[in-house]
């Protein structure tokens, strides 16, 4: 069964089921396969947050730029510059900064966890990230313009689908775009 952290619940409500593209970032709430990654510390108005990047993405980025992804073989200043360049779209969208005094660490993401997945591309390298313990203002800065876009007008009325846990309301366009592995927001009976 999928779990969701309390701090991510508001983003489930804000983001459309299919996700959203804001500038260079593509945001979606989804379960990400368990794998190794690299964790970076970000500073947003003196509050710290973390961004996890899949190890494959980070290795390809480092190997493409300097020929190695071995952190012990890379000068810390160079590693900081490489990380800042790779994270630039995320940092610029939110006015956050990468913490230079906090070196990146290796860690795995959580299984069965619904998380805010953010994707972007730099120099033809695609980055996949999950964010942890982000200040609310950081995400509001990124997705603030979404609330105005949220109201979409469809020519057909929504379809109400009963399910054993509750109910959900989808437009025909949303219903036809559902694929295996995608989530559907379900409301409990009585809500």
C-alpha atoms as a PDB file:
ATOM      1  CA  UNK A   1       0.000   0.000   0.000  1.00  0.00           C
ATOM      2  CA  UNK A   2       1.312   3.453  -0.877  1.00  0.00           C
ATOM      3  CA  UNK A   3       2.064   5.928   1.907  1.00  0.00           C
ATOM      4  CA  UNK A   4       2.329   9.697   1.691  1.00  0.00           C
ATOM      5  CA  UNK A   5       4.111  12.074   4.049  1.00  0.00           C
ATOM      6  CA  UNK A   6       1.903  14.689   5.738  1.00  0.00           C
ATOM      7  CA  UNK A   7       3.908  17.565   4.262  1.00  0.00           C
ATOM      8  CA  UNK A   8       3.164  16.297   0.743  1.00  0.00           C
ATOM      9  CA  UNK A   9      -0.613  15.993   1.112  1.00  0.00           C
ATOM     10  CA  UNK A  10      -1.315  19.579  -0.049  1.00  0.00           C
ATOM     11  CA  UNK A  11       0.645  18.955  -3.262  1.00  0.00           C
ATOM     12  CA  UNK A  12      -1.528  15.949  -4.085  1.00  0.00           C
ATOM     13  CA  UNK A  13      -4.473  18.333  -4.088  1.00  0.00           C
ATOM     14  CA  UNK A  14      -2.699  21.065  -6.073  1.00  0.00           C
ATOM     15  CA  UNK A  15      -1.164  18.968  -8.834  1.00  0.00           C
ATOM     16  CA  UNK A  16      -3.374  17.493 -11.559  1.00  0.00           C
ATOM     17  CA  UNK A  17      -3.292  13.689 -11.812  1.00  0.00           C
ATOM     18  CA  UNK A  18      -1.209  13.797 -14.976  1.00  0.00           C
ATOM     19  CA  UNK A  19       1.305  16.171 -13.355  1.00  0.00           C
ATOM     20  CA  UNK A  20       2.235  19.653 -14.519  1.00  0.00           C
ATOM     21  CA  UNK A  21       5.011  21.367 -16.415  1.00  0.00           C
ATOM     22  CA  UNK A  22       6.113  24.697 -14.987  1.00  0.00           C
ATOM     23  CA  UNK A  23       8.924  26.319 -16.923  1.00  0.00           C
ATOM     24  CA  UNK A  24      11.682  23.741 -17.255  1.00  0.00           C
ATOM     25  CA  UNK A  25      10.314  21.522 -14.455  1.00  0.00           C
ATOM     26  CA  UNK A  26       7.836  18.662 -14.769  1.00  0.00           C
ATOM     27  CA  UNK A  27       6.161  17.868 -11.437  1.00  0.00           C
ATOM     28  CA  UNK A  28       4.068  14.830 -10.586  1.00  0.00           C
ATOM     29  CA  UNK A  29       3.026  12.882  -7.511  1.00  0.00           C
ATOM     30  CA  UNK A  30       4.099   9.293  -8.077  1.00  0.00           C
ATOM     31  CA  UNK A  31       5.767   6.272  -6.595  1.00  0.00           C
ATOM     32  CA  UNK A  32       9.384   6.087  -7.671  1.00  0.00           C
ATOM     33  CA  UNK A  33      11.177   2.718  -7.931  1.00  0.00           C
ATOM     34  CA  UNK A  34      13.493   2.008  -5.000  1.00  0.00           C
ATOM     35  CA  UNK A  35      17.080   2.702  -6.002  1.00  0.00           C
ATOM     36  CA  UNK A  36      20.286   4.402  -4.941  1.00  0.00           C
ATOM     37  CA  UNK A  37      20.607   8.117  -5.343  1.00  0.00           C
ATOM     38  CA  UNK A  38      22.545  11.187  -4.326  1.00  0.00           C
ATOM     39  CA  UNK A  39      21.140  13.572  -1.720  1.00  0.00           C
ATOM     40  CA  UNK A  40      21.891  17.315  -1.923  1.00  0.00           C
ATOM     41  CA  UNK A  41      21.116  19.983   0.677  1.00  0.00           C
ATOM     42  CA  UNK A  42      19.373  23.155  -0.484  1.00  0.00           C
ATOM     43  CA  UNK A  43      18.922  26.446   1.385  1.00  0.00           C
ATOM     44  CA  UNK A  44      15.718  28.392   0.894  1.00  0.00           C
ATOM     45  CA  UNK A  45      15.471  31.567   3.014  1.00  0.00           C
ATOM     46  CA  UNK A  46      17.609  29.985   5.782  1.00  0.00           C
ATOM     47  CA  UNK A  47      15.551  26.780   5.818  1.00  0.00           C
ATOM     48  CA  UNK A  48      17.164  23.550   4.667  1.00  0.00           C
ATOM     49  CA  UNK A  49      15.641  21.003   2.332  1.00  0.00           C
ATOM     50  CA  UNK A  50      16.968  17.996   0.464  1.00  0.00           C
ATOM     51  CA  UNK A  51      16.769  16.873  -3.133  1.00  0.00           C
ATOM     52  CA  UNK A  52      17.397  13.237  -4.061  1.00  0.00           C
ATOM     53  CA  UNK A  53      18.619  12.538  -7.604  1.00  0.00           C
ATOM     54  CA  UNK A  54      18.631   9.014  -9.020  1.00  0.00           C
ATOM     55  CA  UNK A  55      22.184   7.627  -9.084  1.00  0.00           C
ATOM     56  CA  UNK A  56      22.003   6.880 -12.830  1.00  0.00           C
ATOM     57  CA  UNK A  57      21.189  10.532 -13.562  1.00  0.00           C
ATOM     58  CA  UNK A  58      23.994  11.804 -11.357  1.00  0.00           C
ATOM     59  CA  UNK A  59      26.571   9.339 -12.743  1.00  0.00           C
ATOM     60  CA  UNK A  60      25.725  10.148 -16.374  1.00  0.00           C
ATOM     61  CA  UNK A  61      25.924  13.868 -15.615  1.00  0.00           C
ATOM     62  CA  UNK A  62      29.357  13.648 -13.912  1.00  0.00           C
ATOM     63  CA  UNK A  63      30.788  11.179 -16.420  1.00  0.00           C
ATOM     64  CA  UNK A  64      29.574  13.307 -19.319  1.00  0.00           C
ATOM     65  CA  UNK A  65      31.218  16.440 -17.896  1.00  0.00           C
ATOM     66  CA  UNK A  66      34.449  15.232 -16.296  1.00  0.00           C
ATOM     67  CA  UNK A  67      34.718  11.519 -17.071  1.00  0.00           C
ATOM     68  CA  UNK A  68      34.094  10.157 -13.565  1.00  0.00           C
ATOM     69  CA  UNK A  69      31.353  10.025 -10.943  1.00  0.00           C
ATOM     70  CA  UNK A  70      33.707   8.969  -8.125  1.00  0.00           C
ATOM     71  CA  UNK A  71      33.191  11.679  -5.473  1.00  0.00           C
ATOM     72  CA  UNK A  72      36.541  11.008  -3.792  1.00  0.00           C
ATOM     73  CA  UNK A  73      38.349  11.691  -7.098  1.00  0.00           C
ATOM     74  CA  UNK A  74      36.581  15.033  -7.682  1.00  0.00           C
ATOM     75  CA  UNK A  75      37.705  18.284  -6.080  1.00  0.00           C
ATOM     76  CA  UNK A  76      34.930  19.511  -3.711  1.00  0.00           C
ATOM     77  CA  UNK A  77      34.764  22.921  -5.459  1.00  0.00           C
ATOM     78  CA  UNK A  78      34.377  21.240  -8.846  1.00  0.00           C
ATOM     79  CA  UNK A  79      31.756  18.846  -7.446  1.00  0.00           C
ATOM     80  CA  UNK A  80      29.813  21.824  -6.073  1.00  0.00           C
ATOM     81  CA  UNK A  81      29.936  23.562  -9.461  1.00  0.00           C
ATOM     82  CA  UNK A  82      28.796  20.432 -11.295  1.00  0.00           C
ATOM     83  CA  UNK A  83      25.919  19.934  -8.842  1.00  0.00           C
ATOM     84  CA  UNK A  84      24.873  23.588  -9.027  1.00  0.00           C
ATOM     85  CA  UNK A  85      24.823  23.480 -12.830  1.00  0.00           C
ATOM     86  CA  UNK A  86      22.772  20.268 -12.861  1.00  0.00           C
ATOM     87  CA  UNK A  87      20.312  21.574 -10.268  1.00  0.00           C
ATOM     88  CA  UNK A  88      20.084  25.039 -11.879  1.00  0.00           C
ATOM     89  CA  UNK A  89      16.496  24.740 -13.235  1.00  0.00           C
ATOM     90  CA  UNK A  90      15.189  23.636  -9.813  1.00  0.00           C
ATOM     91  CA  UNK A  91      17.188  26.296  -7.955  1.00  0.00           C
ATOM     92  CA  UNK A  92      16.209  29.097 -10.351  1.00  0.00           C
ATOM     93  CA  UNK A  93      12.516  28.203 -10.262  1.00  0.00           C
ATOM     94  CA  UNK A  94      12.468  28.552  -6.484  1.00  0.00           C
ATOM     95  CA  UNK A  95      15.214  31.097  -5.691  1.00  0.00           C
ATOM     96  CA  UNK A  96      16.967  28.464  -3.551  1.00  0.00           C
ATOM     97  CA  UNK A  97      20.730  27.884  -3.291  1.00  0.00           C
ATOM     98  CA  UNK A  98      22.813  24.739  -3.063  1.00  0.00           C
ATOM     99  CA  UNK A  99      24.613  24.407   0.301  1.00  0.00           C
ATOM    100  CA  UNK A 100      28.320  24.314  -0.424  1.00  0.00           C
ATOM    101  CA  UNK A 101      29.261  23.258   3.122  1.00  0.00           C
ATOM    102  CA  UNK A 102      27.018  20.144   2.950  1.00  0.00           C
ATOM    103  CA  UNK A 103      28.595  17.559   0.618  1.00  0.00           C
ATOM    104  CA  UNK A 104      26.260  15.250  -1.320  1.00  0.00           C
ATOM    105  CA  UNK A 105      25.626  11.845   0.249  1.00  0.00           C
ATOM    106  CA  UNK A 106      24.451   8.505  -1.111  1.00  0.00           C
ATOM    107  CA  UNK A 107      21.109   7.119   0.012  1.00  0.00           C
ATOM    108  CA  UNK A 108      18.145   5.094  -1.213  1.00  0.00           C
ATOM    109  CA  UNK A 109      14.639   6.420  -1.663  1.00  0.00           C
ATOM    110  CA  UNK A 110      11.695   4.913   0.227  1.00  0.00           C
ATOM    111  CA  UNK A 111       9.613   1.985  -1.043  1.00  0.00           C
ATOM    112  CA  UNK A 112       5.827   2.300  -1.360  1.00  0.00           C
ATOM    113  CA  UNK A 113       6.015   6.065  -0.893  1.00  0.00           C
ATOM    114  CA  UNK A 114       4.052   8.547  -2.971  1.00  0.00           C
ATOM    115  CA  UNK A 115       6.369  11.531  -3.422  1.00  0.00           C
ATOM    116  CA  UNK A 116       6.699  14.731  -5.393  1.00  0.00           C
ATOM    117  CA  UNK A 117       8.795  13.778  -8.421  1.00  0.00           C
ATOM    118  CA  UNK A 118      10.461  16.628 -10.306  1.00  0.00           C
ATOM    119  CA  UNK A 119      12.087  16.149 -13.691  1.00  0.00           C
ATOM    120  CA  UNK A 120      14.151  18.564 -15.801  1.00  0.00           C
ATOM    121  CA  UNK A 121      16.801  18.544 -18.523  1.00  0.00           C
ATOM    122  CA  UNK A 122      20.192  20.279 -18.627  1.00  0.00           C
ATOM    123  CA  UNK A 123      22.484  19.924 -21.658  1.00  0.00           C
ATOM    124  CA  UNK A 124      20.482  16.906 -22.905  1.00  0.00           C
ATOM    125  CA  UNK A 125      20.852  15.140 -19.514  1.00  0.00           C
ATOM    126  CA  UNK A 126      17.518  14.297 -17.894  1.00  0.00           C
ATOM    127  CA  UNK A 127      17.384  14.600 -14.104  1.00  0.00           C
ATOM    128  CA  UNK A 128      14.833  12.749 -11.956  1.00  0.00           C
ATOM    129  CA  UNK A 129      14.511  13.943  -8.382  1.00  0.00           C
ATOM    130  CA  UNK A 130      12.455  13.547  -5.242  1.00  0.00           C
ATOM    131  CA  UNK A 131      12.382  16.303  -2.669  1.00  0.00           C
ATOM    132  CA  UNK A 132      12.454  15.840   1.115  1.00  0.00           C
ATOM    133  CA  UNK A 133      11.725  18.222   4.004  1.00  0.00           C
ATOM    134  CA  UNK A 134      11.196  21.210   1.759  1.00  0.00           C
ATOM    135  CA  UNK A 135       9.983  24.466   3.249  1.00  0.00           C
ATOM    136  CA  UNK A 136       6.397  25.119   2.203  1.00  0.00           C
ATOM    137  CA  UNK A 137       7.355  28.465   0.692  1.00  0.00           C
ATOM    138  CA  UNK A 138       9.807  26.760  -1.668  1.00  0.00           C
ATOM    139  CA  UNK A 139       7.114  24.635  -3.284  1.00  0.00           C
ATOM    140  CA  UNK A 140       4.599  27.475  -3.264  1.00  0.00           C
ATOM    141  CA  UNK A 141       7.141  29.519  -5.197  1.00  0.00           C
ATOM    142  CA  UNK A 142       7.387  26.778  -7.853  1.00  0.00           C
ATOM    143  CA  UNK A 143       3.737  25.739  -8.087  1.00  0.00           C
ATOM    144  CA  UNK A 144       2.114  29.065  -7.201  1.00  0.00           C
ATOM    145  CA  UNK A 145       1.028  29.680 -10.787  1.00  0.00           C
ATOM    146  CA  UNK A 146      -0.644  26.260 -10.930  1.00  0.00           C
ATOM    147  CA  UNK A 147      -3.644  27.321  -8.860  1.00  0.00           C
ATOM    148  CA  UNK A 148      -4.726  29.691 -11.637  1.00  0.00           C
ATOM    149  CA  UNK A 149      -4.330  26.939 -14.257  1.00  0.00           C
ATOM    150  CA  UNK A 150      -6.092  24.337 -12.097  1.00  0.00           C
ATOM    151  CA  UNK A 151      -9.598  25.079 -13.356  1.00  0.00           C
ATOM    152  CA  UNK A 152      -9.813  23.392 -16.733  1.00  0.00           C
ATOM    153  CA  UNK A 153     -12.967  23.445 -18.802  1.00  0.00           C
ATOM    154  CA  UNK A 154     -13.928  20.255 -20.592  1.00  0.00           C
ATOM    155  CA  UNK A 155     -16.779  19.978 -23.079  1.00  0.00           C
ATOM    156  CA  UNK A 156     -18.099  16.757 -21.508  1.00  0.00           C
ATOM    157  CA  UNK A 157     -19.376  16.380 -17.919  1.00  0.00           C
ATOM    158  CA  UNK A 158     -17.231  14.393 -15.496  1.00  0.00           C
ATOM    159  CA  UNK A 159     -17.775  10.680 -15.006  1.00  0.00           C
ATOM    160  CA  UNK A 160     -18.378   9.491 -11.426  1.00  0.00           C
ATOM    161  CA  UNK A 161     -16.818   6.084 -10.802  1.00  0.00           C
ATOM    162  CA  UNK A 162     -17.693   4.078  -7.669  1.00  0.00           C
ATOM    163  CA  UNK A 163     -14.859   1.980  -6.223  1.00  0.00           C
ATOM    164  CA  UNK A 164     -14.807  -0.244  -3.188  1.00  0.00           C
ATOM    165  CA  UNK A 165     -12.950   2.324  -1.027  1.00  0.00           C
ATOM    166  CA  UNK A 166     -14.863   5.402  -2.059  1.00  0.00           C
ATOM    167  CA  UNK A 167     -15.503   7.352  -5.227  1.00  0.00           C
ATOM    168  CA  UNK A 168     -13.688   9.522  -7.726  1.00  0.00           C
ATOM    169  CA  UNK A 169     -14.798  12.028 -10.315  1.00  0.00           C
ATOM    170  CA  UNK A 170     -12.980  12.142 -13.657  1.00  0.00           C
ATOM    171  CA  UNK A 171     -13.547  13.895 -16.927  1.00  0.00           C
ATOM    172  CA  UNK A 172     -13.587  11.748 -20.041  1.00  0.00           C
ATOM    173  CA  UNK A 173     -10.218  13.177 -21.054  1.00  0.00           C
ATOM    174  CA  UNK A 174      -8.726  12.193 -17.676  1.00  0.00           C
ATOM    175  CA  UNK A 175     -10.367   8.765 -17.852  1.00  0.00           C
ATOM    176  CA  UNK A 176      -8.946   7.978 -21.280  1.00  0.00           C
ATOM    177  CA  UNK A 177      -5.447   9.113 -20.250  1.00  0.00           C
ATOM    178  CA  UNK A 178      -5.246   6.658 -17.319  1.00  0.00           C
ATOM    179  CA  UNK A 179      -2.604   3.993 -17.829  1.00  0.00           C
ATOM    180  CA  UNK A 180      -1.447   1.028 -15.778  1.00  0.00           C
ATOM    181  CA  UNK A 181       0.474   2.232 -12.738  1.00  0.00           C
ATOM    182  CA  UNK A 182      -1.108   5.694 -12.594  1.00  0.00           C
ATOM    183  CA  UNK A 183      -2.923   6.794  -9.478  1.00  0.00           C
ATOM    184  CA  UNK A 184      -6.448   8.116  -9.203  1.00  0.00           C
ATOM    185  CA  UNK A 185      -7.465  10.444  -6.378  1.00  0.00           C
ATOM    186  CA  UNK A 186     -10.179   8.594  -4.415  1.00  0.00           C
ATOM    187  CA  UNK A 187     -12.549  10.306  -1.971  1.00  0.00           C
ATOM    188  CA  UNK A 188     -13.803   8.227   0.951  1.00  0.00           C
ATOM    189  CA  UNK A 189     -17.532   7.693   1.255  1.00  0.00           C
ATOM    190  CA  UNK A 190     -18.967  10.434   3.440  1.00  0.00           C
ATOM    191  CA  UNK A 191     -16.486  13.106   2.274  1.00  0.00           C
END
